[in-house]
Structure formats: C-alpha cells, structure tokens
Amino acid sequence: MRFGMLRSLIVLPFNFLAIKLRGGSLSPPDSSNVSNLVVTNATSSAPTENDEEKIRVVISTLRAGIAAARNRDLPFVTLAYASTLDGMIAMRGSSNLPISGPASLALTHALRVEHDAVLVGTATALLDRPRLTVRRGGVPAAPSAQPAAVVIDARLRILDEVGRGRPPPAATAREGGGGGTHRFVVCCAAESLEERSGAPPPEHWTILPCDTDDAGRIDLEDALRRLRGLGIRSV
C-alpha cells in the first residue's frame, strides 16, 4: 500500500440532511450538503501562524453552522479525517498508522472543543483505541470541556473488550465526570442488546439501541436522531 509523504486533515462541515453507510464508508447524499472544505498540511514542525489563522477561520465557520442548527431534530455533523495525499487513511489490517502532524492535531482538538460529541466506528475504537478527548500540549482539558464519546457498534463488540479487561480508552477517560450525563455512548442494533447476556455495561456508559438496514448496519440517520434526543446538538 502506497503512502504519500505529505499529510493533511480534511474537514467537511455538513448542513446535515442524511448520511448513509454505503459499502463500509460514510458519504453525504449530495454535494449541496457540504458547506466548507479545509485542508491543513501536517508537517514535522509546530503549527505556524498561518495554520493558526486557518484554524480560527474553520472554527468561526463551524460555530455559525452549529448555532443555525441548534433547533433542528438532527445534530450538526462535521466529518473530519486524516489522509495522505494519495488518499490513504490507514493500513490494511490492524496496524495503527499515525498520519496527523502537529498542525492537524491542533485543528482536531480545536474541533473537539466546539462539538458536544466525537463519533467513531467500532474498528477505530477497537484497533486505534483513541481517547477522543481534548488535549492541549498533551495535557487533558478540564472535564467540563470534554465532548462525549460515541461509538457505532451494531453487535456490541466493545463490551467483549470490557470482559477481557481491555475497556476502550475513550470510555475510561470519561470515568468520574465530564461530557454531561451521557459521557460514553454506544449505538447498537436493538436486537444485539436484547440477545446479549452477561454483566451490564459500566455505570457511566449509555447503550443506545438504533434501527438497522437490511445488512444489519446501523441506520446513521436514526442513530443521529437518537443522539439528538440525548441532548447532543453537534457531532
């Protein structure tokens, strides 16, 4: 697999209508939902003044979009991902490949501050094991500044990791406070919750049963609507 030398973080704020899961990838229904596109080069140096100005522009745009969507029945959604210039986001298999550099990491944490929750899929949660917290200079922000963590996990595989003594870092990072009432949320298929036996999830977890499509995958529009019902206004 080929990886480019330069790297970037791509941010797509959506005026959300619907996002569907197609062939294992997230895609917007049409380009009219994309309100902005920013590419921040990730280099080996610290963020430059130009990088910091780009971040301020992105955050200003996001704040306006989030405010405009405040009374809607779906959260405002920002899709952010790190990519090499030749379009790669990860290596095949279970390897965790760092892609982001200091500039894009600074943008990532600035984005997290502005959102009520950070959402990832099961593979990211289990393989990359991210904390999904806000950190500045490697130091975690105050609990009140931490977004909730949300994992899309139709089959509740993440609970198996808890049974093996390997709870996800995104969950353990939210023990004891921060992120509001629903600090760690797992969106699962309703039948997976009904069929599951064994120990209940940790006390600070919220298990959110959601609709699925014919292939058993989580209906993301339904999941987002249910997250909005928890008070989550931006993801």
C-alpha atoms as a PDB file:
ATOM      1  CA  MET A   1       0.000   0.000   0.000  1.00  0.00           C
ATOM      2  CA  ARG A   2       1.376   3.386  -1.036  1.00  0.00           C
ATOM      3  CA  PHE A   3       1.509   6.375   1.312  1.00  0.00           C
ATOM      4  CA  GLY A   4       2.284   9.967   0.334  1.00  0.00           C
ATOM      5  CA  MET A   5       4.987  11.940   2.089  1.00  0.00           C
ATOM      6  CA  LEU A   6       2.793  14.940   2.925  1.00  0.00           C
ATOM      7  CA  ARG A   7      -0.256  14.615   5.076  1.00  0.00           C
ATOM      8  CA  SER A   8      -3.413  16.561   5.748  1.00  0.00           C
ATOM      9  CA  LEU A   9      -6.549  16.761   7.853  1.00  0.00           C
ATOM     10  CA  ILE A  10      -9.734  17.203   5.850  1.00  0.00           C
ATOM     11  CA  VAL A  11     -12.745  18.814   7.483  1.00  0.00           C
ATOM     12  CA  LEU A  12     -16.225  18.672   5.986  1.00  0.00           C
ATOM     13  CA  PRO A  13     -18.917  20.507   7.977  1.00  0.00           C
ATOM     14  CA  PHE A  14     -22.327  19.277   6.818  1.00  0.00           C
ATOM     15  CA  ASN A  15     -25.636  21.061   6.747  1.00  0.00           C
ATOM     16  CA  PHE A  16     -26.935  17.639   7.660  1.00  0.00           C
ATOM     17  CA  LEU A  17     -29.848  16.104   5.803  1.00  0.00           C
ATOM     18  CA  ALA A  18     -28.857  12.434   5.868  1.00  0.00           C
ATOM     19  CA  ILE A  19     -25.674  10.402   5.881  1.00  0.00           C
ATOM     20  CA  LYS A  20     -25.854   6.812   4.713  1.00  0.00           C
ATOM     21  CA  LEU A  21     -23.418   3.974   5.225  1.00  0.00           C
ATOM     22  CA  ARG A  22     -22.582   2.575   1.793  1.00  0.00           C
ATOM     23  CA  GLY A  23     -20.131  -0.242   1.325  1.00  0.00           C
ATOM     24  CA  GLY A  24     -18.490   0.458   4.672  1.00  0.00           C
ATOM     25  CA  SER A  25     -17.841   4.149   4.023  1.00  0.00           C
ATOM     26  CA  LEU A  26     -19.582   7.342   5.049  1.00  0.00           C
ATOM     27  CA  SER A  27     -20.829   9.504   2.204  1.00  0.00           C
ATOM     28  CA  PRO A  28     -23.128  12.532   2.015  1.00  0.00           C
ATOM     29  CA  PRO A  29     -26.271  12.162  -0.141  1.00  0.00           C
ATOM     30  CA  ASP A  30     -25.168  15.030  -2.420  1.00  0.00           C
ATOM     31  CA  SER A  31     -22.573  17.779  -2.571  1.00  0.00           C
ATOM     32  CA  SER A  32     -25.070  20.509  -1.672  1.00  0.00           C
ATOM     33  CA  ASN A  33     -24.758  19.500   1.985  1.00  0.00           C
ATOM     34  CA  VAL A  34     -21.073  20.380   2.136  1.00  0.00           C
ATOM     35  CA  SER A  35     -20.727  23.937   3.410  1.00  0.00           C
ATOM     36  CA  ASN A  36     -16.939  24.165   3.642  1.00  0.00           C
ATOM     37  CA  LEU A  37     -13.724  22.263   2.873  1.00  0.00           C
ATOM     38  CA  VAL A  38     -10.416  22.962   4.563  1.00  0.00           C
ATOM     39  CA  VAL A  39      -7.125  21.116   4.088  1.00  0.00           C
ATOM     40  CA  THR A  40      -4.430  21.738   6.675  1.00  0.00           C
ATOM     41  CA  ASN A  41      -0.990  20.384   5.828  1.00  0.00           C
ATOM     42  CA  ALA A  42       0.542  18.312   8.591  1.00  0.00           C
ATOM     43  CA  THR A  43       4.287  18.878   8.842  1.00  0.00           C
ATOM     44  CA  SER A  44       7.021  17.873  11.261  1.00  0.00           C
ATOM     45  CA  SER A  45       7.058  21.350  12.823  1.00  0.00           C
ATOM     46  CA  ALA A  46       4.738  23.074  15.273  1.00  0.00           C
ATOM     47  CA  PRO A  47       1.665  24.858  13.844  1.00  0.00           C
ATOM     48  CA  THR A  48       2.612  28.110  12.105  1.00  0.00           C
ATOM     49  CA  GLU A  49       0.801  31.441  12.375  1.00  0.00           C
ATOM     50  CA  ASN A  50      -0.782  30.631   9.019  1.00  0.00           C
ATOM     51  CA  ASP A  51      -2.011  27.287  10.380  1.00  0.00           C
ATOM     52  CA  GLU A  52      -3.461  29.008  13.438  1.00  0.00           C
ATOM     53  CA  GLU A  53      -5.271  31.535  11.250  1.00  0.00           C
ATOM     54  CA  LYS A  54      -6.761  28.683   9.182  1.00  0.00           C
ATOM     55  CA  ILE A  55      -7.947  27.030  12.384  1.00  0.00           C
ATOM     56  CA  ARG A  56      -9.626  30.264  13.528  1.00  0.00           C
ATOM     57  CA  VAL A  57     -11.451  30.513  10.185  1.00  0.00           C
ATOM     58  CA  VAL A  58     -12.653  26.895  10.421  1.00  0.00           C
ATOM     59  CA  ILE A  59     -13.875  27.310  13.992  1.00  0.00           C
ATOM     60  CA  SER A  60     -15.686  30.555  13.164  1.00  0.00           C
ATOM     61  CA  THR A  61     -17.478  28.813  10.282  1.00  0.00           C
ATOM     62  CA  LEU A  62     -18.385  25.856  12.469  1.00  0.00           C
ATOM     63  CA  ARG A  63     -19.786  27.993  15.264  1.00  0.00           C
ATOM     64  CA  ALA A  64     -22.128  29.705  12.827  1.00  0.00           C
ATOM     65  CA  GLY A  65     -23.299  26.367  11.425  1.00  0.00           C
ATOM     66  CA  ILE A  66     -23.812  24.783  14.830  1.00  0.00           C
ATOM     67  CA  ALA A  67     -25.768  27.810  16.050  1.00  0.00           C
ATOM     68  CA  ALA A  68     -28.023  27.724  12.965  1.00  0.00           C
ATOM     69  CA  ALA A  69     -28.751  24.017  13.531  1.00  0.00           C
ATOM     70  CA  ARG A  70     -29.487  24.347  17.248  1.00  0.00           C
ATOM     71  CA  ASN A  71     -33.251  23.818  16.942  1.00  0.00           C
ATOM     72  CA  ARG A  72     -33.208  21.008  14.404  1.00  0.00           C
ATOM     73  CA  ASP A  73     -34.083  17.410  15.232  1.00  0.00           C
ATOM     74  CA  LEU A  74     -30.689  16.155  13.987  1.00  0.00           C
ATOM     75  CA  PRO A  75     -27.253  17.187  15.253  1.00  0.00           C
ATOM     76  CA  PHE A  76     -24.915  19.338  13.192  1.00  0.00           C
ATOM     77  CA  VAL A  77     -22.332  16.891  11.773  1.00  0.00           C
ATOM     78  CA  THR A  78     -18.678  17.566  10.955  1.00  0.00           C
ATOM     79  CA  LEU A  79     -16.769  14.842   9.127  1.00  0.00           C
ATOM     80  CA  ALA A  80     -13.022  15.061   9.816  1.00  0.00           C
ATOM     81  CA  TYR A  81     -10.358  12.578   8.767  1.00  0.00           C
ATOM     82  CA  ALA A  82      -6.604  12.477   8.276  1.00  0.00           C
ATOM     83  CA  SER A  83      -5.398  11.374   4.864  1.00  0.00           C
ATOM     84  CA  THR A  84      -2.159  11.043   2.953  1.00  0.00           C
ATOM     85  CA  LEU A  85      -2.003  12.996  -0.315  1.00  0.00           C
ATOM     86  CA  ASP A  86      -2.536   9.773  -2.259  1.00  0.00           C
ATOM     87  CA  GLY A  87      -5.820   9.203  -0.475  1.00  0.00           C
ATOM     88  CA  MET A  88      -4.919   6.653   2.210  1.00  0.00           C
ATOM     89  CA  ILE A  89      -6.368   6.852   5.718  1.00  0.00           C
ATOM     90  CA  ALA A  90      -4.959   3.637   7.250  1.00  0.00           C
ATOM     91  CA  MET A  91      -3.010   0.456   6.543  1.00  0.00           C
ATOM     92  CA  ARG A  92      -4.850  -2.733   5.798  1.00  0.00           C
ATOM     93  CA  GLY A  93      -5.133  -4.944   8.859  1.00  0.00           C
ATOM     94  CA  SER A  94      -4.783  -3.978  12.496  1.00  0.00           C
ATOM     95  CA  SER A  95      -1.784  -1.645  12.339  1.00  0.00           C
ATOM     96  CA  ASN A  96      -2.244   1.803  13.839  1.00  0.00           C
ATOM     97  CA  LEU A  97      -0.538   4.249  11.481  1.00  0.00           C
ATOM     98  CA  PRO A  98      -0.069   7.836  12.768  1.00  0.00           C
ATOM     99  CA  ILE A  99      -0.933  10.243   9.952  1.00  0.00           C
ATOM    100  CA  SER A 100      -1.669  13.592  11.601  1.00  0.00           C
ATOM    101  CA  GLY A 101       1.104  16.078  12.351  1.00  0.00           C
ATOM    102  CA  PRO A 102       1.172  18.971  14.862  1.00  0.00           C
ATOM    103  CA  ALA A 103      -0.875  21.382  12.721  1.00  0.00           C
ATOM    104  CA  SER A 104      -3.704  18.959  12.006  1.00  0.00           C
ATOM    105  CA  LEU A 105      -3.690  17.690  15.597  1.00  0.00           C
ATOM    106  CA  ALA A 106      -4.143  21.273  16.790  1.00  0.00           C
ATOM    107  CA  LEU A 107      -7.149  21.567  14.470  1.00  0.00           C
ATOM    108  CA  THR A 108      -8.510  18.211  15.662  1.00  0.00           C
ATOM    109  CA  HIS A 109      -8.530  19.332  19.289  1.00  0.00           C
ATOM    110  CA  ALA A 110      -9.977  22.726  18.380  1.00  0.00           C
ATOM    111  CA  LEU A 111     -12.820  20.913  16.601  1.00  0.00           C
ATOM    112  CA  ARG A 112     -13.498  18.679  19.607  1.00  0.00           C
ATOM    113  CA  VAL A 113     -13.917  21.699  21.870  1.00  0.00           C
ATOM    114  CA  GLU A 114     -16.723  23.003  19.631  1.00  0.00           C
ATOM    115  CA  HIS A 115     -18.745  19.773  19.477  1.00  0.00           C
ATOM    116  CA  ASP A 116     -20.920  18.005  22.018  1.00  0.00           C
ATOM    117  CA  ALA A 117     -19.636  14.576  20.954  1.00  0.00           C
ATOM    118  CA  VAL A 118     -16.956  12.812  18.920  1.00  0.00           C
ATOM    119  CA  LEU A 119     -18.195   9.760  16.987  1.00  0.00           C
ATOM    120  CA  VAL A 120     -16.155   6.821  15.645  1.00  0.00           C
ATOM    121  CA  GLY A 121     -16.857   3.323  14.358  1.00  0.00           C
ATOM    122  CA  THR A 122     -16.151   0.005  16.043  1.00  0.00           C
ATOM    123  CA  ALA A 123     -12.901  -0.664  14.179  1.00  0.00           C
ATOM    124  CA  THR A 124     -11.454   2.694  15.184  1.00  0.00           C
ATOM    125  CA  ALA A 125     -12.479   2.173  18.801  1.00  0.00           C
ATOM    126  CA  LEU A 126     -11.060  -1.371  18.989  1.00  0.00           C
ATOM    127  CA  LEU A 127      -7.931  -1.060  16.818  1.00  0.00           C
ATOM    128  CA  ASP A 128      -6.791   2.545  17.220  1.00  0.00           C
ATOM    129  CA  ARG A 129      -8.141   2.771  20.805  1.00  0.00           C
ATOM    130  CA  PRO A 130      -8.371   6.586  20.793  1.00  0.00           C
ATOM    131  CA  ARG A 131      -9.194   8.631  23.891  1.00  0.00           C
ATOM    132  CA  LEU A 132     -11.263  11.127  21.863  1.00  0.00           C
ATOM    133  CA  THR A 133     -10.529  13.796  24.446  1.00  0.00           C
ATOM    134  CA  VAL A 134      -9.499  17.433  24.157  1.00  0.00           C
ATOM    135  CA  ARG A 135      -5.808  17.889  24.909  1.00  0.00           C
ATOM    136  CA  ARG A 136      -3.571  20.914  24.626  1.00  0.00           C
ATOM    137  CA  GLY A 137       0.147  20.304  24.592  1.00  0.00           C
ATOM    138  CA  GLY A 138      -0.529  16.725  25.675  1.00  0.00           C
ATOM    139  CA  VAL A 139      -2.445  17.890  28.767  1.00  0.00           C
ATOM    140  CA  PRO A 140      -6.147  16.924  29.006  1.00  0.00           C
ATOM    141  CA  ALA A 141      -8.592  19.821  29.193  1.00  0.00           C
ATOM    142  CA  ALA A 142     -10.949  20.175  32.160  1.00  0.00           C
ATOM    143  CA  PRO A 143     -13.705  17.529  32.368  1.00  0.00           C
ATOM    144  CA  SER A 144     -16.349  20.172  31.599  1.00  0.00           C
ATOM    145  CA  ALA A 145     -14.618  20.869  28.245  1.00  0.00           C
ATOM    146  CA  GLN A 146     -14.576  17.226  27.146  1.00  0.00           C
ATOM    147  CA  PRO A 147     -17.044  16.114  24.467  1.00  0.00           C
ATOM    148  CA  ALA A 148     -18.959  12.888  24.898  1.00  0.00           C
ATOM    149  CA  ALA A 149     -17.546   9.869  23.048  1.00  0.00           C
ATOM    150  CA  VAL A 150     -19.867   7.895  20.749  1.00  0.00           C
ATOM    151  CA  VAL A 151     -19.106   4.521  19.148  1.00  0.00           C
ATOM    152  CA  ILE A 152     -21.191   2.972  16.360  1.00  0.00           C
ATOM    153  CA  ASP A 153     -21.125  -0.715  17.274  1.00  0.00           C
ATOM    154  CA  ALA A 154     -24.057  -2.721  15.917  1.00  0.00           C
ATOM    155  CA  ARG A 155     -23.064  -6.002  17.614  1.00  0.00           C
ATOM    156  CA  LEU A 156     -21.781  -4.541  20.901  1.00  0.00           C
ATOM    157  CA  ARG A 157     -18.329  -5.993  20.337  1.00  0.00           C
ATOM    158  CA  ILE A 158     -16.912  -3.277  22.540  1.00  0.00           C
ATOM    159  CA  LEU A 159     -18.462  -4.966  25.590  1.00  0.00           C
ATOM    160  CA  ASP A 160     -16.413  -8.096  24.827  1.00  0.00           C
ATOM    161  CA  GLU A 161     -13.279  -5.975  25.279  1.00  0.00           C
ATOM    162  CA  VAL A 162     -14.532  -4.898  28.696  1.00  0.00           C
ATOM    163  CA  GLY A 163     -14.972  -8.566  29.599  1.00  0.00           C
ATOM    164  CA  ARG A 164     -11.339  -9.163  28.594  1.00  0.00           C
ATOM    165  CA  GLY A 165     -10.160  -6.355  30.841  1.00  0.00           C
ATOM    166  CA  ARG A 166      -9.497  -4.014  27.899  1.00  0.00           C
ATOM    167  CA  PRO A 167     -12.075  -1.231  28.162  1.00  0.00           C
ATOM    168  CA  PRO A 168     -11.724   1.376  25.417  1.00  0.00           C
ATOM    169  CA  PRO A 169      -9.607   4.395  26.431  1.00  0.00           C
ATOM    170  CA  ALA A 170     -12.410   6.691  25.262  1.00  0.00           C
ATOM    171  CA  ALA A 171     -14.569   5.178  27.989  1.00  0.00           C
ATOM    172  CA  THR A 172     -12.037   5.087  30.821  1.00  0.00           C
ATOM    173  CA  ALA A 173     -11.053   8.699  30.055  1.00  0.00           C
ATOM    174  CA  ARG A 174     -14.619   9.696  30.969  1.00  0.00           C
ATOM    175  CA  GLU A 175     -14.932   7.934  34.289  1.00  0.00           C
ATOM    176  CA  GLY A 176     -15.819  10.248  37.116  1.00  0.00           C
ATOM    177  CA  GLY A 177     -17.224  13.198  35.170  1.00  0.00           C
ATOM    178  CA  GLY A 178     -17.124  15.346  32.061  1.00  0.00           C
ATOM    179  CA  GLY A 179     -19.113  15.237  28.854  1.00  0.00           C
ATOM    180  CA  GLY A 180     -22.504  15.714  30.501  1.00  0.00           C
ATOM    181  CA  THR A 181     -24.883  12.960  31.617  1.00  0.00           C
ATOM    182  CA  HIS A 182     -24.202  10.736  28.592  1.00  0.00           C
ATOM    183  CA  ARG A 183     -20.408  10.662  28.584  1.00  0.00           C
ATOM    184  CA  PHE A 184     -19.771   7.436  26.668  1.00  0.00           C
ATOM    185  CA  VAL A 185     -22.467   6.267  24.241  1.00  0.00           C
ATOM    186  CA  VAL A 186     -22.582   3.038  22.237  1.00  0.00           C
ATOM    187  CA  CYS A 187     -25.078   2.966  19.353  1.00  0.00           C
ATOM    188  CA  CYS A 188     -26.022  -0.664  18.765  1.00  0.00           C
ATOM    189  CA  ALA A 189     -28.627  -2.740  16.955  1.00  0.00           C
ATOM    190  CA  ALA A 190     -31.698  -3.178  19.136  1.00  0.00           C
ATOM    191  CA  GLU A 191     -31.604  -6.971  18.679  1.00  0.00           C
ATOM    192  CA  SER A 192     -27.972  -7.113  19.846  1.00  0.00           C
ATOM    193  CA  LEU A 193     -28.961  -5.582  23.155  1.00  0.00           C
ATOM    194  CA  GLU A 194     -31.946  -7.921  23.509  1.00  0.00           C
ATOM    195  CA  GLU A 195     -29.853 -11.028  22.774  1.00  0.00           C
ATOM    196  CA  ARG A 196     -26.920 -10.104  24.971  1.00  0.00           C
ATOM    197  CA  SER A 197     -26.373 -11.744  28.341  1.00  0.00           C
ATOM    198  CA  GLY A 198     -23.729 -11.239  30.956  1.00  0.00           C
ATOM    199  CA  ALA A 199     -22.566  -8.350  33.070  1.00  0.00           C
ATOM    200  CA  PRO A 200     -24.129  -4.940  32.439  1.00  0.00           C
ATOM    201  CA  PRO A 201     -22.015  -2.180  30.915  1.00  0.00           C
ATOM    202  CA  PRO A 202     -20.094   0.176  33.209  1.00  0.00           C
ATOM    203  CA  GLU A 203     -22.207   2.719  35.071  1.00  0.00           C
ATOM    204  CA  HIS A 204     -21.154   5.767  33.036  1.00  0.00           C
ATOM    205  CA  TRP A 205     -21.956   4.122  29.670  1.00  0.00           C
ATOM    206  CA  THR A 206     -25.158   4.794  27.705  1.00  0.00           C
ATOM    207  CA  ILE A 207     -26.247   1.953  25.417  1.00  0.00           C
ATOM    208  CA  LEU A 208     -28.456   3.372  22.664  1.00  0.00           C
ATOM    209  CA  PRO A 209     -30.463   0.833  20.593  1.00  0.00           C
ATOM    210  CA  CYS A 210     -30.889   2.022  16.982  1.00  0.00           C
ATOM    211  CA  ASP A 211     -32.565   0.900  13.769  1.00  0.00           C
ATOM    212  CA  THR A 212     -30.527  -1.082  11.223  1.00  0.00           C
ATOM    213  CA  ASP A 213     -30.637  -1.643   7.471  1.00  0.00           C
ATOM    214  CA  ASP A 214     -31.159  -5.000   5.743  1.00  0.00           C
ATOM    215  CA  ALA A 215     -27.449  -5.817   6.153  1.00  0.00           C
ATOM    216  CA  GLY A 216     -27.577  -5.282   9.911  1.00  0.00           C
ATOM    217  CA  ARG A 217     -25.679  -1.992   9.823  1.00  0.00           C
ATOM    218  CA  ILE A 218     -26.687   0.942  11.993  1.00  0.00           C
ATOM    219  CA  ASP A 219     -29.005   3.431  10.298  1.00  0.00           C
ATOM    220  CA  LEU A 220     -26.918   6.552  10.893  1.00  0.00           C
ATOM    221  CA  GLU A 221     -29.800   8.957  10.445  1.00  0.00           C
ATOM    222  CA  ASP A 222     -31.736   7.122  13.158  1.00  0.00           C
ATOM    223  CA  ALA A 223     -28.637   6.999  15.396  1.00  0.00           C
ATOM    224  CA  LEU A 224     -28.064  10.731  14.993  1.00  0.00           C
ATOM    225  CA  ARG A 225     -31.714  11.460  15.725  1.00  0.00           C
ATOM    226  CA  ARG A 226     -31.474   9.425  18.928  1.00  0.00           C
ATOM    227  CA  LEU A 227     -28.238  11.199  19.905  1.00  0.00           C
ATOM    228  CA  ARG A 228     -30.063  14.492  19.443  1.00  0.00           C
ATOM    229  CA  GLY A 229     -32.681  13.128  21.844  1.00  0.00           C
ATOM    230  CA  LEU A 230     -29.904  12.794  24.434  1.00  0.00           C
ATOM    231  CA  GLY A 231     -29.175  16.496  24.079  1.00  0.00           C
ATOM    232  CA  ILE A 232     -26.232  16.105  21.708  1.00  0.00           C
ATOM    233  CA  ARG A 233     -26.509  19.014  19.244  1.00  0.00           C
ATOM    234  CA  SER A 234     -23.241  18.604  17.335  1.00  0.00           C
ATOM    235  CA  VAL A 235     -21.063  15.615  16.427  1.00  0.00           C
END
